[in-house]
């Protein structure tokens, strides 16, 4: 007979010693309060997982309530905030996760299995939108996951995971970019011969941008920016 308590511990990721080598970096945009719910999810699924919140200067609302959570401030901009969050972390692995992301038990389990393999690679999860957007978000997720698997182009909302030394060898996130810093990191990894690996588990993310700005307009804008940057990166060194 199987130990149901052991199954529950493993399913939530808290039974995996590999997660002790991972630190989560969470950039918080101006006015964004979704990080509070994310911390609640992480408290439940992986309470020992190290986290670092990075607030934009002047937007720090409250000191995180748990002792195992660290926070810092930096200049505004996701690339700057993520680099600032990674600075000073001693963990072997860095997991960059947006504040409106929502991992599941399967996410943590798959993360532990990816880390256990110890590969110098960038891992990413399957995109899954939360139920806060238009009905067509399933199509958007399917297209993003196809692009990631077939073309090797995941984005930051898919929770990029890599070894700390690989992150610094790649030059960190490009702070000169006003957008697409995640895309640029992936292209730099490709040029450097670092594999891009799918982690077969979902990572939820909010679809409120599509709801507030319109599905078609947001989709067209993202597609234009994505393929423009892909063309530029493919022509660079």
C-alpha atoms as a PDB file:
ATOM      1  CA  UNK A   1       0.000   0.000   0.000  1.00  0.00           C
ATOM      2  CA  UNK A   2       1.377   3.426  -0.927  1.00  0.00           C
ATOM      3  CA  UNK A   3       1.949   6.111   1.684  1.00  0.00           C
ATOM      4  CA  UNK A   4      -0.591   8.836   0.873  1.00  0.00           C
ATOM      5  CA  UNK A   5       1.158  11.338   3.143  1.00  0.00           C
ATOM      6  CA  UNK A   6       4.417  10.754   1.251  1.00  0.00           C
ATOM      7  CA  UNK A   7       2.570  11.177  -2.075  1.00  0.00           C
ATOM      8  CA  UNK A   8       1.140  14.488  -0.926  1.00  0.00           C
ATOM      9  CA  UNK A   9       4.541  15.736   0.197  1.00  0.00           C
ATOM     10  CA  UNK A  10       6.134  14.815  -3.135  1.00  0.00           C
ATOM     11  CA  UNK A  11       3.265  16.223  -5.178  1.00  0.00           C
ATOM     12  CA  UNK A  12       3.625  19.616  -3.562  1.00  0.00           C
ATOM     13  CA  UNK A  13       7.365  19.706  -4.201  1.00  0.00           C
ATOM     14  CA  UNK A  14       8.260  20.030  -0.518  1.00  0.00           C
ATOM     15  CA  UNK A  15       9.702  16.513  -0.470  1.00  0.00           C
ATOM     16  CA  UNK A  16      12.350  17.328  -3.062  1.00  0.00           C
ATOM     17  CA  UNK A  17      15.744  18.295  -1.712  1.00  0.00           C
ATOM     18  CA  UNK A  18      16.654  19.647  -5.168  1.00  0.00           C
ATOM     19  CA  UNK A  19      14.424  22.672  -4.578  1.00  0.00           C
ATOM     20  CA  UNK A  20      16.801  23.771  -1.828  1.00  0.00           C
ATOM     21  CA  UNK A  21      19.239  24.717  -4.599  1.00  0.00           C
ATOM     22  CA  UNK A  22      16.711  26.997  -6.348  1.00  0.00           C
ATOM     23  CA  UNK A  23      15.973  30.672  -5.720  1.00  0.00           C
ATOM     24  CA  UNK A  24      12.966  32.387  -7.277  1.00  0.00           C
ATOM     25  CA  UNK A  25      13.410  35.962  -8.510  1.00  0.00           C
ATOM     26  CA  UNK A  26      10.117  37.863  -8.794  1.00  0.00           C
ATOM     27  CA  UNK A  27      10.144  41.357 -10.362  1.00  0.00           C
ATOM     28  CA  UNK A  28       7.188  43.476  -9.262  1.00  0.00           C
ATOM     29  CA  UNK A  29       5.925  46.126 -11.646  1.00  0.00           C
ATOM     30  CA  UNK A  30       4.698  49.547 -10.454  1.00  0.00           C
ATOM     31  CA  UNK A  31       1.325  49.229  -8.760  1.00  0.00           C
ATOM     32  CA  UNK A  32       1.262  45.440  -9.130  1.00  0.00           C
ATOM     33  CA  UNK A  33      -0.104  43.636  -6.069  1.00  0.00           C
ATOM     34  CA  UNK A  34      -0.431  40.172  -7.599  1.00  0.00           C
ATOM     35  CA  UNK A  35       2.792  39.084  -5.850  1.00  0.00           C
ATOM     36  CA  UNK A  36       0.885  38.690  -2.610  1.00  0.00           C
ATOM     37  CA  UNK A  37      -1.244  35.877  -4.010  1.00  0.00           C
ATOM     38  CA  UNK A  38       1.828  34.290  -5.581  1.00  0.00           C
ATOM     39  CA  UNK A  39       3.570  34.174  -2.206  1.00  0.00           C
ATOM     40  CA  UNK A  40       0.524  32.444  -0.772  1.00  0.00           C
ATOM     41  CA  UNK A  41       0.735  29.790  -3.480  1.00  0.00           C
ATOM     42  CA  UNK A  42       4.458  29.267  -2.832  1.00  0.00           C
ATOM     43  CA  UNK A  43       3.838  29.109   0.925  1.00  0.00           C
ATOM     44  CA  UNK A  44       1.439  26.255   0.315  1.00  0.00           C
ATOM     45  CA  UNK A  45       3.364  24.336  -2.341  1.00  0.00           C
ATOM     46  CA  UNK A  46       7.008  24.896  -1.408  1.00  0.00           C
ATOM     47  CA  UNK A  47       7.388  26.833   1.840  1.00  0.00           C
ATOM     48  CA  UNK A  48      11.169  26.341   1.972  1.00  0.00           C
ATOM     49  CA  UNK A  49      11.800  27.608  -1.535  1.00  0.00           C
ATOM     50  CA  UNK A  50      13.974  30.735  -1.448  1.00  0.00           C
ATOM     51  CA  UNK A  51      12.367  33.818  -3.007  1.00  0.00           C
ATOM     52  CA  UNK A  52      13.484  37.345  -3.715  1.00  0.00           C
ATOM     53  CA  UNK A  53      10.986  40.056  -4.592  1.00  0.00           C
ATOM     54  CA  UNK A  54      12.303  43.048  -6.520  1.00  0.00           C
ATOM     55  CA  UNK A  55      10.296  46.264  -6.305  1.00  0.00           C
ATOM     56  CA  UNK A  56      10.811  49.331  -8.460  1.00  0.00           C
ATOM     57  CA  UNK A  57      12.217  52.283  -6.508  1.00  0.00           C
ATOM     58  CA  UNK A  58       9.435  54.174  -4.778  1.00  0.00           C
ATOM     59  CA  UNK A  59       6.892  51.369  -5.084  1.00  0.00           C
ATOM     60  CA  UNK A  60       7.741  49.242  -2.051  1.00  0.00           C
ATOM     61  CA  UNK A  61       4.394  48.668  -0.334  1.00  0.00           C
ATOM     62  CA  UNK A  62       5.117  46.266   2.487  1.00  0.00           C
ATOM     63  CA  UNK A  63       7.969  44.144   3.769  1.00  0.00           C
ATOM     64  CA  UNK A  64       7.270  40.445   2.985  1.00  0.00           C
ATOM     65  CA  UNK A  65       5.840  38.698   5.991  1.00  0.00           C
ATOM     66  CA  UNK A  66       7.881  35.463   5.996  1.00  0.00           C
ATOM     67  CA  UNK A  67      11.477  35.257   7.131  1.00  0.00           C
ATOM     68  CA  UNK A  68      12.524  33.077   4.167  1.00  0.00           C
ATOM     69  CA  UNK A  69      11.522  35.806   1.722  1.00  0.00           C
ATOM     70  CA  UNK A  70      13.966  38.526   0.824  1.00  0.00           C
ATOM     71  CA  UNK A  71      13.222  41.703  -1.049  1.00  0.00           C
ATOM     72  CA  UNK A  72      15.163  44.469  -2.663  1.00  0.00           C
ATOM     73  CA  UNK A  73      14.622  47.566  -4.807  1.00  0.00           C
ATOM     74  CA  UNK A  74      16.073  48.602  -8.141  1.00  0.00           C
ATOM     75  CA  UNK A  75      15.520  51.029 -10.968  1.00  0.00           C
ATOM     76  CA  UNK A  76      12.291  50.401 -12.845  1.00  0.00           C
ATOM     77  CA  UNK A  77      12.395  47.885 -15.680  1.00  0.00           C
ATOM     78  CA  UNK A  78      12.028  44.112 -15.701  1.00  0.00           C
ATOM     79  CA  UNK A  79      15.590  43.472 -16.923  1.00  0.00           C
ATOM     80  CA  UNK A  80      17.090  45.710 -14.221  1.00  0.00           C
ATOM     81  CA  UNK A  81      14.854  44.288 -11.528  1.00  0.00           C
ATOM     82  CA  UNK A  82      15.616  40.682 -12.403  1.00  0.00           C
ATOM     83  CA  UNK A  83      19.348  41.343 -12.511  1.00  0.00           C
ATOM     84  CA  UNK A  84      19.158  43.104  -9.156  1.00  0.00           C
ATOM     85  CA  UNK A  85      17.208  40.200  -7.712  1.00  0.00           C
ATOM     86  CA  UNK A  86      19.764  37.658  -8.887  1.00  0.00           C
ATOM     87  CA  UNK A  87      22.670  39.653  -7.470  1.00  0.00           C
ATOM     88  CA  UNK A  88      23.957  38.216  -4.219  1.00  0.00           C
ATOM     89  CA  UNK A  89      21.985  34.969  -4.456  1.00  0.00           C
ATOM     90  CA  UNK A  90      24.114  31.920  -3.654  1.00  0.00           C
ATOM     91  CA  UNK A  91      21.715  29.243  -4.898  1.00  0.00           C
ATOM     92  CA  UNK A  92      22.893  27.114  -7.799  1.00  0.00           C
ATOM     93  CA  UNK A  93      19.703  27.686  -9.797  1.00  0.00           C
ATOM     94  CA  UNK A  94      17.709  30.821 -10.622  1.00  0.00           C
ATOM     95  CA  UNK A  95      14.023  30.691 -11.480  1.00  0.00           C
ATOM     96  CA  UNK A  96      12.682  33.946 -12.938  1.00  0.00           C
ATOM     97  CA  UNK A  97       8.949  34.146 -12.399  1.00  0.00           C
ATOM     98  CA  UNK A  98       6.491  36.957 -13.034  1.00  0.00           C
ATOM     99  CA  UNK A  99       4.441  38.258 -10.115  1.00  0.00           C
ATOM    100  CA  UNK A 100       1.180  37.205 -11.781  1.00  0.00           C
ATOM    101  CA  UNK A 101       2.395  33.631 -12.385  1.00  0.00           C
ATOM    102  CA  UNK A 102       0.688  30.799 -10.542  1.00  0.00           C
ATOM    103  CA  UNK A 103       2.590  27.495 -10.274  1.00  0.00           C
ATOM    104  CA  UNK A 104       0.835  24.231  -9.477  1.00  0.00           C
ATOM    105  CA  UNK A 105       1.987  21.159  -7.577  1.00  0.00           C
ATOM    106  CA  UNK A 106       2.986  19.589 -10.897  1.00  0.00           C
ATOM    107  CA  UNK A 107       5.089  22.668 -11.672  1.00  0.00           C
ATOM    108  CA  UNK A 108       7.210  22.218  -8.553  1.00  0.00           C
ATOM    109  CA  UNK A 109       7.553  18.479  -9.074  1.00  0.00           C
ATOM    110  CA  UNK A 110       8.727  18.930 -12.669  1.00  0.00           C
ATOM    111  CA  UNK A 111      11.096  21.705 -11.594  1.00  0.00           C
ATOM    112  CA  UNK A 112      12.736  19.402  -9.045  1.00  0.00           C
ATOM    113  CA  UNK A 113      13.169  16.712 -11.691  1.00  0.00           C
ATOM    114  CA  UNK A 114      14.713  19.215 -14.129  1.00  0.00           C
ATOM    115  CA  UNK A 115      17.138  20.498 -11.498  1.00  0.00           C
ATOM    116  CA  UNK A 116      18.072  16.948 -10.488  1.00  0.00           C
ATOM    117  CA  UNK A 117      19.374  16.297 -14.008  1.00  0.00           C
ATOM    118  CA  UNK A 118      21.918  19.077 -13.492  1.00  0.00           C
ATOM    119  CA  UNK A 119      22.093  20.134 -17.131  1.00  0.00           C
ATOM    120  CA  UNK A 120      23.529  23.487 -18.179  1.00  0.00           C
ATOM    121  CA  UNK A 121      20.346  24.467 -19.992  1.00  0.00           C
ATOM    122  CA  UNK A 122      17.497  26.975 -19.827  1.00  0.00           C
ATOM    123  CA  UNK A 123      14.268  25.337 -18.776  1.00  0.00           C
ATOM    124  CA  UNK A 124      10.774  26.674 -19.378  1.00  0.00           C
ATOM    125  CA  UNK A 125       7.245  25.534 -18.542  1.00  0.00           C
ATOM    126  CA  UNK A 126       4.096  25.125 -20.612  1.00  0.00           C
ATOM    127  CA  UNK A 127       2.102  28.341 -20.683  1.00  0.00           C
ATOM    128  CA  UNK A 128      -1.362  28.153 -19.151  1.00  0.00           C
ATOM    129  CA  UNK A 129      -3.588  31.206 -18.816  1.00  0.00           C
ATOM    130  CA  UNK A 130      -5.737  31.781 -15.757  1.00  0.00           C
ATOM    131  CA  UNK A 131      -9.486  32.236 -16.062  1.00  0.00           C
ATOM    132  CA  UNK A 132      -9.319  36.035 -16.035  1.00  0.00           C
ATOM    133  CA  UNK A 133      -9.221  36.761 -19.759  1.00  0.00           C
ATOM    134  CA  UNK A 134     -11.090  36.283 -23.056  1.00  0.00           C
ATOM    135  CA  UNK A 135     -12.319  32.904 -24.256  1.00  0.00           C
ATOM    136  CA  UNK A 136      -9.620  32.757 -26.932  1.00  0.00           C
ATOM    137  CA  UNK A 137      -6.771  32.521 -24.441  1.00  0.00           C
ATOM    138  CA  UNK A 138      -6.592  28.756 -24.989  1.00  0.00           C
ATOM    139  CA  UNK A 139      -5.624  29.456 -28.594  1.00  0.00           C
ATOM    140  CA  UNK A 140      -2.986  31.943 -27.458  1.00  0.00           C
ATOM    141  CA  UNK A 141      -1.471  29.424 -25.043  1.00  0.00           C
ATOM    142  CA  UNK A 142      -1.454  26.695 -27.694  1.00  0.00           C
ATOM    143  CA  UNK A 143       0.359  28.976 -30.149  1.00  0.00           C
ATOM    144  CA  UNK A 144       2.923  30.024 -27.526  1.00  0.00           C
ATOM    145  CA  UNK A 145       3.606  26.430 -26.535  1.00  0.00           C
ATOM    146  CA  UNK A 146       3.966  25.386 -30.182  1.00  0.00           C
ATOM    147  CA  UNK A 147       6.441  28.225 -30.775  1.00  0.00           C
ATOM    148  CA  UNK A 148       8.424  27.187 -27.714  1.00  0.00           C
ATOM    149  CA  UNK A 149       8.631  23.501 -28.603  1.00  0.00           C
ATOM    150  CA  UNK A 150       9.139  23.808 -32.362  1.00  0.00           C
ATOM    151  CA  UNK A 151      11.177  27.010 -32.592  1.00  0.00           C
ATOM    152  CA  UNK A 152      12.845  27.048 -29.176  1.00  0.00           C
ATOM    153  CA  UNK A 153      11.550  30.521 -28.293  1.00  0.00           C
ATOM    154  CA  UNK A 154       9.923  30.549 -24.847  1.00  0.00           C
ATOM    155  CA  UNK A 155       9.224  33.843 -23.101  1.00  0.00           C
ATOM    156  CA  UNK A 156       9.543  35.062 -19.537  1.00  0.00           C
ATOM    157  CA  UNK A 157       5.969  34.264 -18.542  1.00  0.00           C
ATOM    158  CA  UNK A 158       6.925  30.602 -18.971  1.00  0.00           C
ATOM    159  CA  UNK A 159       9.254  30.818 -15.959  1.00  0.00           C
ATOM    160  CA  UNK A 160      12.839  30.602 -17.224  1.00  0.00           C
ATOM    161  CA  UNK A 161      15.110  28.403 -15.069  1.00  0.00           C
ATOM    162  CA  UNK A 162      18.894  28.136 -15.395  1.00  0.00           C
ATOM    163  CA  UNK A 163      22.060  27.639 -13.415  1.00  0.00           C
ATOM    164  CA  UNK A 164      23.399  30.784 -11.810  1.00  0.00           C
ATOM    165  CA  UNK A 165      26.780  30.485 -13.509  1.00  0.00           C
ATOM    166  CA  UNK A 166      25.067  30.138 -16.917  1.00  0.00           C
ATOM    167  CA  UNK A 167      23.057  33.282 -16.252  1.00  0.00           C
ATOM    168  CA  UNK A 168      26.212  35.302 -15.668  1.00  0.00           C
ATOM    169  CA  UNK A 169      28.073  33.689 -18.555  1.00  0.00           C
ATOM    170  CA  UNK A 170      25.221  34.846 -20.801  1.00  0.00           C
ATOM    171  CA  UNK A 171      25.635  38.408 -19.539  1.00  0.00           C
ATOM    172  CA  UNK A 172      22.382  38.527 -17.522  1.00  0.00           C
ATOM    173  CA  UNK A 173      19.331  40.354 -18.891  1.00  0.00           C
ATOM    174  CA  UNK A 174      20.074  43.193 -21.303  1.00  0.00           C
ATOM    175  CA  UNK A 175      19.127  46.338 -19.386  1.00  0.00           C
ATOM    176  CA  UNK A 176      19.302  48.496 -22.513  1.00  0.00           C
ATOM    177  CA  UNK A 177      16.099  46.908 -23.827  1.00  0.00           C
ATOM    178  CA  UNK A 178      12.729  48.433 -23.090  1.00  0.00           C
ATOM    179  CA  UNK A 179      11.065  45.100 -23.856  1.00  0.00           C
ATOM    180  CA  UNK A 180      12.002  41.572 -24.874  1.00  0.00           C
ATOM    181  CA  UNK A 181      14.806  41.024 -22.385  1.00  0.00           C
ATOM    182  CA  UNK A 182      13.647  37.412 -21.979  1.00  0.00           C
ATOM    183  CA  UNK A 183      13.687  36.857 -25.747  1.00  0.00           C
ATOM    184  CA  UNK A 184      17.204  38.332 -25.954  1.00  0.00           C
ATOM    185  CA  UNK A 185      18.470  35.980 -23.223  1.00  0.00           C
ATOM    186  CA  UNK A 186      17.109  32.982 -25.130  1.00  0.00           C
ATOM    187  CA  UNK A 187      18.833  34.087 -28.327  1.00  0.00           C
ATOM    188  CA  UNK A 188      22.100  34.610 -26.467  1.00  0.00           C
ATOM    189  CA  UNK A 189      21.801  31.083 -25.070  1.00  0.00           C
ATOM    190  CA  UNK A 190      21.253  29.701 -28.556  1.00  0.00           C
ATOM    191  CA  UNK A 191      24.338  31.493 -29.844  1.00  0.00           C
ATOM    192  CA  UNK A 192      26.320  30.152 -26.887  1.00  0.00           C
ATOM    193  CA  UNK A 193      25.209  26.562 -27.435  1.00  0.00           C
ATOM    194  CA  UNK A 194      23.123  26.338 -24.249  1.00  0.00           C
ATOM    195  CA  UNK A 195      20.109  24.052 -24.843  1.00  0.00           C
ATOM    196  CA  UNK A 196      16.538  25.284 -24.365  1.00  0.00           C
ATOM    197  CA  UNK A 197      14.564  22.564 -22.568  1.00  0.00           C
ATOM    198  CA  UNK A 198      10.838  22.203 -22.045  1.00  0.00           C
ATOM    199  CA  UNK A 199       9.835  21.301 -18.490  1.00  0.00           C
ATOM    200  CA  UNK A 200       6.601  19.335 -19.054  1.00  0.00           C
ATOM    201  CA  UNK A 201       4.309  20.991 -16.526  1.00  0.00           C
ATOM    202  CA  UNK A 202       2.021  24.042 -16.606  1.00  0.00           C
ATOM    203  CA  UNK A 203       2.788  27.480 -15.250  1.00  0.00           C
ATOM    204  CA  UNK A 204      -0.289  29.653 -14.962  1.00  0.00           C
ATOM    205  CA  UNK A 205      -0.214  33.341 -15.829  1.00  0.00           C
ATOM    206  CA  UNK A 206      -2.789  36.111 -15.799  1.00  0.00           C
ATOM    207  CA  UNK A 207      -4.610  37.047 -19.010  1.00  0.00           C
ATOM    208  CA  UNK A 208      -5.828  40.393 -17.687  1.00  0.00           C
ATOM    209  CA  UNK A 209      -3.766  42.331 -20.240  1.00  0.00           C
ATOM    210  CA  UNK A 210      -5.721  40.631 -23.034  1.00  0.00           C
ATOM    211  CA  UNK A 211      -8.948  41.355 -21.198  1.00  0.00           C
ATOM    212  CA  UNK A 212      -8.161  45.022 -20.612  1.00  0.00           C
ATOM    213  CA  UNK A 213      -6.508  45.834 -23.949  1.00  0.00           C
ATOM    214  CA  UNK A 214      -8.411  43.467 -26.215  1.00  0.00           C
ATOM    215  CA  UNK A 215      -7.430  39.996 -27.398  1.00  0.00           C
ATOM    216  CA  UNK A 216      -6.848  40.833 -31.065  1.00  0.00           C
ATOM    217  CA  UNK A 217      -4.962  44.085 -30.480  1.00  0.00           C
ATOM    218  CA  UNK A 218      -2.733  42.536 -27.809  1.00  0.00           C
ATOM    219  CA  UNK A 219      -2.072  39.433 -29.900  1.00  0.00           C
ATOM    220  CA  UNK A 220      -1.121  41.446 -32.987  1.00  0.00           C
ATOM    221  CA  UNK A 221       1.152  43.718 -30.968  1.00  0.00           C
ATOM    222  CA  UNK A 222       2.933  40.782 -29.338  1.00  0.00           C
ATOM    223  CA  UNK A 223       3.349  39.003 -32.671  1.00  0.00           C
ATOM    224  CA  UNK A 224       4.834  42.093 -34.311  1.00  0.00           C
ATOM    225  CA  UNK A 225       7.308  42.667 -31.485  1.00  0.00           C
ATOM    226  CA  UNK A 226       8.209  38.979 -31.261  1.00  0.00           C
ATOM    227  CA  UNK A 227       9.013  38.423 -34.907  1.00  0.00           C
ATOM    228  CA  UNK A 228      10.687  41.801 -35.339  1.00  0.00           C
ATOM    229  CA  UNK A 229      13.027  40.983 -32.491  1.00  0.00           C
ATOM    230  CA  UNK A 230      13.530  37.415 -33.749  1.00  0.00           C
ATOM    231  CA  UNK A 231      14.602  38.782 -37.147  1.00  0.00           C
ATOM    232  CA  UNK A 232      16.983  41.230 -35.521  1.00  0.00           C
ATOM    233  CA  UNK A 233      18.493  38.598 -33.228  1.00  0.00           C
ATOM    234  CA  UNK A 234      18.910  36.064 -36.030  1.00  0.00           C
ATOM    235  CA  UNK A 235      20.979  38.599 -37.987  1.00  0.00           C
ATOM    236  CA  UNK A 236      23.216  39.500 -35.053  1.00  0.00           C
ATOM    237  CA  UNK A 237      26.425  37.677 -34.281  1.00  0.00           C
END
